[in-house]
Protein backbone atom coordinates (compact mmCIF):
# COMPACT_ATOMS: atom_id res chain seq x y z
CA UNK A 1 0.00 0.00 0.00
CA UNK A 2 1.35 3.43 -0.91
CA UNK A 3 0.38 6.75 0.69
CA UNK A 4 -1.96 7.73 -2.18
CA UNK A 5 -4.62 5.23 -1.06
CA UNK A 6 -4.84 6.39 2.57
CA UNK A 7 -4.78 10.02 1.42
CA UNK A 8 -7.93 9.41 -0.63
CA UNK A 9 -9.85 7.95 2.33
CA UNK A 10 -8.60 10.31 5.05
CA UNK A 11 -10.45 13.64 5.09
CA UNK A 12 -10.35 16.85 7.05
CA UNK A 13 -13.54 18.29 8.49
CA UNK A 14 -13.30 21.08 5.90
CA UNK A 15 -13.13 18.52 3.08
CA UNK A 16 -16.19 16.71 4.41
CA UNK A 17 -18.09 20.00 4.68
CA UNK A 18 -17.05 20.90 1.12
CA UNK A 19 -18.39 17.49 0.03
CA UNK A 20 -21.80 18.43 1.42
CA UNK A 21 -21.79 17.19 5.03
CA UNK A 22 -22.62 19.66 7.78
CA UNK A 23 -20.81 19.64 11.13
CA UNK A 24 -23.76 18.03 12.91
CA UNK A 25 -23.88 15.22 10.33
CA UNK A 26 -20.16 14.58 10.81
CA UNK A 27 -20.65 14.41 14.58
CA UNK A 28 -23.65 12.11 14.16
CA UNK A 29 -21.66 9.80 11.86
CA UNK A 30 -18.89 9.64 14.46
CA UNK A 31 -21.34 8.72 17.23
CA UNK A 32 -22.98 6.06 15.04
CA UNK A 33 -19.57 4.60 14.24
CA UNK A 34 -19.61 5.47 10.55
CA UNK A 35 -16.55 7.73 10.84
CA UNK A 36 -13.36 7.19 12.81
CA UNK A 37 -11.52 10.27 14.05
CA UNK A 38 -7.82 9.61 13.48
CA UNK A 39 -6.62 13.00 14.74
CA UNK A 40 -8.52 16.11 15.81
CA UNK A 41 -10.53 17.16 12.76
CA UNK A 42 -9.27 14.26 10.61
CA UNK A 43 -11.61 11.39 9.72
CA UNK A 44 -11.77 8.09 7.86
CA UNK A 45 -14.80 5.93 7.04
CA UNK A 46 -14.99 3.24 9.70
CA UNK A 47 -15.87 0.60 7.08
CA UNK A 48 -12.38 1.08 5.63
CA UNK A 49 -10.36 1.73 8.79
CA UNK A 50 -11.91 -1.06 10.87
CA UNK A 51 -11.32 -3.59 8.09
CA UNK A 52 -7.55 -3.03 8.36
CA UNK A 53 -5.31 -5.17 10.51
CA UNK A 54 -3.42 -3.13 13.13
CA UNK A 55 -0.20 -3.39 11.10
CA UNK A 56 -2.01 -1.93 8.06
CA UNK A 57 -3.13 1.21 9.92
CA UNK A 58 0.29 2.88 9.97
CA UNK A 59 -0.16 4.56 6.55
CA UNK A 60 -3.44 6.05 7.76
CA UNK A 61 -1.64 7.58 10.77
CA UNK A 62 0.87 9.16 8.37
CA UNK A 63 -1.90 10.35 6.02
CA UNK A 64 -3.88 11.82 8.93
CA UNK A 65 -0.89 13.82 10.15
CA UNK A 66 -0.10 14.93 6.58
CA UNK A 67 -3.69 16.19 6.18
CA UNK A 68 -3.56 17.95 9.55
CA UNK A 69 -0.09 19.45 8.95
CA UNK A 70 0.52 19.91 5.20
CA UNK A 71 3.94 21.46 5.85
CA UNK A 72 5.16 18.48 7.90
CA UNK A 73 8.39 16.78 6.90
CA UNK A 74 8.34 13.09 7.77
CA UNK A 75 11.54 11.49 8.96
CA UNK A 76 13.01 8.31 10.38
CA UNK A 77 10.56 5.38 10.33
CA UNK A 78 7.76 7.34 8.63
CA UNK A 79 10.08 8.53 5.86
CA UNK A 80 11.42 5.00 5.44
CA UNK A 81 7.87 3.72 4.94
CA UNK A 82 7.10 6.54 2.49
CA UNK A 83 10.21 5.63 0.48
CA UNK A 84 9.00 2.05 0.20
CA UNK A 85 11.34 0.48 2.73
CA UNK A 86 10.02 -2.33 4.89
CA UNK A 87 9.02 -0.99 8.30
CA UNK A 88 7.68 -2.84 11.29
CA UNK A 89 5.26 -0.54 13.05
CA UNK A 90 4.24 -2.03 16.38
CA UNK A 91 2.71 1.32 17.29
CA UNK A 92 1.32 3.93 14.92
CA UNK A 93 3.83 6.59 15.95
CA UNK A 94 4.58 9.15 13.24
CA UNK A 95 8.07 10.64 12.99
CA UNK A 96 8.40 14.28 11.87
CA UNK A 97 11.11 16.91 11.85
CA UNK A 98 10.66 19.99 13.98
CA UNK A 99 12.66 23.16 14.30
CA UNK A 100 14.82 23.63 17.35
CA UNK A 101 12.44 26.29 18.68
CA UNK A 102 9.26 24.26 18.13
CA UNK A 103 7.25 23.47 21.22
CA UNK A 104 4.44 21.13 22.09
CA UNK A 105 3.82 17.45 21.69
CA UNK A 106 0.92 15.68 20.09
CA UNK A 107 -0.27 12.19 20.90
CA UNK A 108 1.14 9.62 18.48
CA UNK A 109 3.81 11.98 17.13
CA UNK A 110 7.55 11.79 17.66
CA UNK A 111 9.24 15.11 16.90
CA UNK A 112 12.89 14.97 15.92
CA UNK A 113 14.36 18.38 16.59
CA UNK A 114 16.95 19.60 14.12
CA UNK A 115 19.21 22.59 13.95
CA UNK A 116 20.22 21.84 10.36
CA UNK A 117 19.37 24.85 8.19
CA UNK A 118 18.14 22.64 5.38
CA UNK A 119 17.47 18.95 5.20
CA UNK A 120 17.20 17.29 1.77
CA UNK A 121 13.48 16.80 1.07
CA UNK A 122 11.67 14.35 -1.21
CA UNK A 123 8.06 14.77 -2.31
CA UNK A 124 6.02 11.57 -2.13
CA UNK A 125 2.79 11.43 -4.20
CA UNK A 126 3.38 15.05 -5.09
CA UNK A 127 2.34 16.58 -1.76
CA UNK A 128 3.73 14.61 1.18
CA UNK A 129 7.21 15.73 2.21
CA UNK A 130 9.82 13.41 3.69
CA UNK A 131 13.53 13.48 4.24
CA UNK A 132 15.47 12.25 1.21
CA UNK A 133 16.21 8.55 0.97
CA UNK A 134 19.90 9.10 1.85
CA UNK A 135 18.98 11.30 4.84
CA UNK A 136 16.40 8.70 5.93
CA UNK A 137 19.00 5.94 5.82
CA UNK A 138 21.41 8.17 7.73
CA UNK A 139 18.80 8.82 10.44
C-alpha atoms as a PDB file:
ATOM      1  CA  UNK A   1       0.000   0.000   0.000  1.00  0.00           C
ATOM      2  CA  UNK A   2       1.346   3.434  -0.908  1.00  0.00           C
ATOM      3  CA  UNK A   3       0.376   6.748   0.695  1.00  0.00           C
ATOM      4  CA  UNK A   4      -1.958   7.727  -2.175  1.00  0.00           C
ATOM      5  CA  UNK A   5      -4.619   5.233  -1.064  1.00  0.00           C
ATOM      6  CA  UNK A   6      -4.844   6.386   2.570  1.00  0.00           C
ATOM      7  CA  UNK A   7      -4.784  10.024   1.424  1.00  0.00           C
ATOM      8  CA  UNK A   8      -7.934   9.411  -0.632  1.00  0.00           C
ATOM      9  CA  UNK A   9      -9.853   7.952   2.329  1.00  0.00           C
ATOM     10  CA  UNK A  10      -8.605  10.306   5.055  1.00  0.00           C
ATOM     11  CA  UNK A  11     -10.452  13.643   5.091  1.00  0.00           C
ATOM     12  CA  UNK A  12     -10.352  16.845   7.055  1.00  0.00           C
ATOM     13  CA  UNK A  13     -13.538  18.286   8.487  1.00  0.00           C
ATOM     14  CA  UNK A  14     -13.303  21.077   5.902  1.00  0.00           C
ATOM     15  CA  UNK A  15     -13.127  18.521   3.075  1.00  0.00           C
ATOM     16  CA  UNK A  16     -16.189  16.712   4.414  1.00  0.00           C
ATOM     17  CA  UNK A  17     -18.087  20.003   4.676  1.00  0.00           C
ATOM     18  CA  UNK A  18     -17.047  20.903   1.121  1.00  0.00           C
ATOM     19  CA  UNK A  19     -18.394  17.493   0.025  1.00  0.00           C
ATOM     20  CA  UNK A  20     -21.804  18.429   1.420  1.00  0.00           C
ATOM     21  CA  UNK A  21     -21.792  17.194   5.031  1.00  0.00           C
ATOM     22  CA  UNK A  22     -22.616  19.664   7.782  1.00  0.00           C
ATOM     23  CA  UNK A  23     -20.814  19.639  11.126  1.00  0.00           C
ATOM     24  CA  UNK A  24     -23.761  18.032  12.913  1.00  0.00           C
ATOM     25  CA  UNK A  25     -23.875  15.223  10.327  1.00  0.00           C
ATOM     26  CA  UNK A  26     -20.158  14.581  10.807  1.00  0.00           C
ATOM     27  CA  UNK A  27     -20.649  14.413  14.582  1.00  0.00           C
ATOM     28  CA  UNK A  28     -23.646  12.112  14.163  1.00  0.00           C
ATOM     29  CA  UNK A  29     -21.660   9.804  11.859  1.00  0.00           C
ATOM     30  CA  UNK A  30     -18.888   9.643  14.458  1.00  0.00           C
ATOM     31  CA  UNK A  31     -21.343   8.720  17.226  1.00  0.00           C
ATOM     32  CA  UNK A  32     -22.980   6.062  15.040  1.00  0.00           C
ATOM     33  CA  UNK A  33     -19.568   4.601  14.243  1.00  0.00           C
ATOM     34  CA  UNK A  34     -19.608   5.471  10.553  1.00  0.00           C
ATOM     35  CA  UNK A  35     -16.546   7.735  10.838  1.00  0.00           C
ATOM     36  CA  UNK A  36     -13.360   7.194  12.812  1.00  0.00           C
ATOM     37  CA  UNK A  37     -11.517  10.268  14.055  1.00  0.00           C
ATOM     38  CA  UNK A  38      -7.816   9.608  13.482  1.00  0.00           C
ATOM     39  CA  UNK A  39      -6.619  12.999  14.742  1.00  0.00           C
ATOM     40  CA  UNK A  40      -8.524  16.108  15.812  1.00  0.00           C
ATOM     41  CA  UNK A  41     -10.532  17.161  12.757  1.00  0.00           C
ATOM     42  CA  UNK A  42      -9.268  14.259  10.606  1.00  0.00           C
ATOM     43  CA  UNK A  43     -11.609  11.393   9.721  1.00  0.00           C
ATOM     44  CA  UNK A  44     -11.774   8.090   7.864  1.00  0.00           C
ATOM     45  CA  UNK A  45     -14.804   5.933   7.039  1.00  0.00           C
ATOM     46  CA  UNK A  46     -14.985   3.238   9.702  1.00  0.00           C
ATOM     47  CA  UNK A  47     -15.866   0.595   7.083  1.00  0.00           C
ATOM     48  CA  UNK A  48     -12.380   1.077   5.629  1.00  0.00           C
ATOM     49  CA  UNK A  49     -10.362   1.732   8.793  1.00  0.00           C
ATOM     50  CA  UNK A  50     -11.913  -1.064  10.865  1.00  0.00           C
ATOM     51  CA  UNK A  51     -11.318  -3.592   8.089  1.00  0.00           C
ATOM     52  CA  UNK A  52      -7.550  -3.029   8.364  1.00  0.00           C
ATOM     53  CA  UNK A  53      -5.313  -5.170  10.511  1.00  0.00           C
ATOM     54  CA  UNK A  54      -3.421  -3.128  13.132  1.00  0.00           C
ATOM     55  CA  UNK A  55      -0.202  -3.387  11.097  1.00  0.00           C
ATOM     56  CA  UNK A  56      -2.010  -1.933   8.062  1.00  0.00           C
ATOM     57  CA  UNK A  57      -3.134   1.205   9.917  1.00  0.00           C
ATOM     58  CA  UNK A  58       0.285   2.884   9.969  1.00  0.00           C
ATOM     59  CA  UNK A  59      -0.163   4.559   6.546  1.00  0.00           C
ATOM     60  CA  UNK A  60      -3.438   6.045   7.763  1.00  0.00           C
ATOM     61  CA  UNK A  61      -1.644   7.580  10.769  1.00  0.00           C
ATOM     62  CA  UNK A  62       0.867   9.159   8.369  1.00  0.00           C
ATOM     63  CA  UNK A  63      -1.897  10.354   6.017  1.00  0.00           C
ATOM     64  CA  UNK A  64      -3.879  11.822   8.926  1.00  0.00           C
ATOM     65  CA  UNK A  65      -0.886  13.815  10.146  1.00  0.00           C
ATOM     66  CA  UNK A  66      -0.101  14.931   6.583  1.00  0.00           C
ATOM     67  CA  UNK A  67      -3.688  16.194   6.177  1.00  0.00           C
ATOM     68  CA  UNK A  68      -3.555  17.950   9.549  1.00  0.00           C
ATOM     69  CA  UNK A  69      -0.087  19.452   8.948  1.00  0.00           C
ATOM     70  CA  UNK A  70       0.519  19.905   5.200  1.00  0.00           C
ATOM     71  CA  UNK A  71       3.937  21.463   5.853  1.00  0.00           C
ATOM     72  CA  UNK A  72       5.161  18.479   7.895  1.00  0.00           C
ATOM     73  CA  UNK A  73       8.386  16.776   6.902  1.00  0.00           C
ATOM     74  CA  UNK A  74       8.338  13.088   7.767  1.00  0.00           C
ATOM     75  CA  UNK A  75      11.544  11.490   8.961  1.00  0.00           C
ATOM     76  CA  UNK A  76      13.006   8.308  10.378  1.00  0.00           C
ATOM     77  CA  UNK A  77      10.563   5.379  10.334  1.00  0.00           C
ATOM     78  CA  UNK A  78       7.759   7.340   8.633  1.00  0.00           C
ATOM     79  CA  UNK A  79      10.079   8.532   5.865  1.00  0.00           C
ATOM     80  CA  UNK A  80      11.417   5.002   5.445  1.00  0.00           C
ATOM     81  CA  UNK A  81       7.871   3.716   4.937  1.00  0.00           C
ATOM     82  CA  UNK A  82       7.103   6.541   2.488  1.00  0.00           C
ATOM     83  CA  UNK A  83      10.214   5.634   0.477  1.00  0.00           C
ATOM     84  CA  UNK A  84       8.996   2.054   0.205  1.00  0.00           C
ATOM     85  CA  UNK A  85      11.335   0.477   2.729  1.00  0.00           C
ATOM     86  CA  UNK A  86      10.015  -2.330   4.889  1.00  0.00           C
ATOM     87  CA  UNK A  87       9.023  -0.992   8.299  1.00  0.00           C
ATOM     88  CA  UNK A  88       7.675  -2.844  11.292  1.00  0.00           C
ATOM     89  CA  UNK A  89       5.257  -0.539  13.053  1.00  0.00           C
ATOM     90  CA  UNK A  90       4.244  -2.030  16.377  1.00  0.00           C
ATOM     91  CA  UNK A  91       2.714   1.322  17.288  1.00  0.00           C
ATOM     92  CA  UNK A  92       1.317   3.932  14.923  1.00  0.00           C
ATOM     93  CA  UNK A  93       3.830   6.591  15.948  1.00  0.00           C
ATOM     94  CA  UNK A  94       4.580   9.146  13.241  1.00  0.00           C
ATOM     95  CA  UNK A  95       8.074  10.641  12.991  1.00  0.00           C
ATOM     96  CA  UNK A  96       8.404  14.278  11.867  1.00  0.00           C
ATOM     97  CA  UNK A  97      11.110  16.906  11.846  1.00  0.00           C
ATOM     98  CA  UNK A  98      10.664  19.986  13.984  1.00  0.00           C
ATOM     99  CA  UNK A  99      12.659  23.156  14.298  1.00  0.00           C
ATOM    100  CA  UNK A 100      14.824  23.633  17.355  1.00  0.00           C
ATOM    101  CA  UNK A 101      12.444  26.294  18.676  1.00  0.00           C
ATOM    102  CA  UNK A 102       9.256  24.259  18.126  1.00  0.00           C
ATOM    103  CA  UNK A 103       7.250  23.474  21.225  1.00  0.00           C
ATOM    104  CA  UNK A 104       4.441  21.133  22.089  1.00  0.00           C
ATOM    105  CA  UNK A 105       3.815  17.448  21.687  1.00  0.00           C
ATOM    106  CA  UNK A 106       0.920  15.679  20.088  1.00  0.00           C
ATOM    107  CA  UNK A 107      -0.270  12.189  20.899  1.00  0.00           C
ATOM    108  CA  UNK A 108       1.139   9.617  18.483  1.00  0.00           C
ATOM    109  CA  UNK A 109       3.812  11.979  17.132  1.00  0.00           C
ATOM    110  CA  UNK A 110       7.552  11.786  17.655  1.00  0.00           C
ATOM    111  CA  UNK A 111       9.244  15.113  16.899  1.00  0.00           C
ATOM    112  CA  UNK A 112      12.893  14.975  15.923  1.00  0.00           C
ATOM    113  CA  UNK A 113      14.365  18.378  16.592  1.00  0.00           C
ATOM    114  CA  UNK A 114      16.946  19.595  14.124  1.00  0.00           C
ATOM    115  CA  UNK A 115      19.211  22.590  13.947  1.00  0.00           C
ATOM    116  CA  UNK A 116      20.215  21.843  10.356  1.00  0.00           C
ATOM    117  CA  UNK A 117      19.367  24.849   8.190  1.00  0.00           C
ATOM    118  CA  UNK A 118      18.137  22.640   5.381  1.00  0.00           C
ATOM    119  CA  UNK A 119      17.468  18.952   5.199  1.00  0.00           C
ATOM    120  CA  UNK A 120      17.198  17.290   1.766  1.00  0.00           C
ATOM    121  CA  UNK A 121      13.475  16.804   1.068  1.00  0.00           C
ATOM    122  CA  UNK A 122      11.673  14.351  -1.207  1.00  0.00           C
ATOM    123  CA  UNK A 123       8.062  14.775  -2.313  1.00  0.00           C
ATOM    124  CA  UNK A 124       6.015  11.570  -2.133  1.00  0.00           C
ATOM    125  CA  UNK A 125       2.793  11.426  -4.199  1.00  0.00           C
ATOM    126  CA  UNK A 126       3.381  15.052  -5.090  1.00  0.00           C
ATOM    127  CA  UNK A 127       2.338  16.575  -1.762  1.00  0.00           C
ATOM    128  CA  UNK A 128       3.730  14.608   1.185  1.00  0.00           C
ATOM    129  CA  UNK A 129       7.206  15.731   2.213  1.00  0.00           C
ATOM    130  CA  UNK A 130       9.817  13.414   3.692  1.00  0.00           C
ATOM    131  CA  UNK A 131      13.533  13.481   4.236  1.00  0.00           C
ATOM    132  CA  UNK A 132      15.475  12.249   1.206  1.00  0.00           C
ATOM    133  CA  UNK A 133      16.210   8.552   0.965  1.00  0.00           C
ATOM    134  CA  UNK A 134      19.896   9.103   1.853  1.00  0.00           C
ATOM    135  CA  UNK A 135      18.979  11.298   4.837  1.00  0.00           C
ATOM    136  CA  UNK A 136      16.404   8.700   5.930  1.00  0.00           C
ATOM    137  CA  UNK A 137      18.997   5.941   5.818  1.00  0.00           C
ATOM    138  CA  UNK A 138      21.410   8.172   7.730  1.00  0.00           C
ATOM    139  CA  UNK A 139      18.802   8.822  10.436  1.00  0.00           C
END
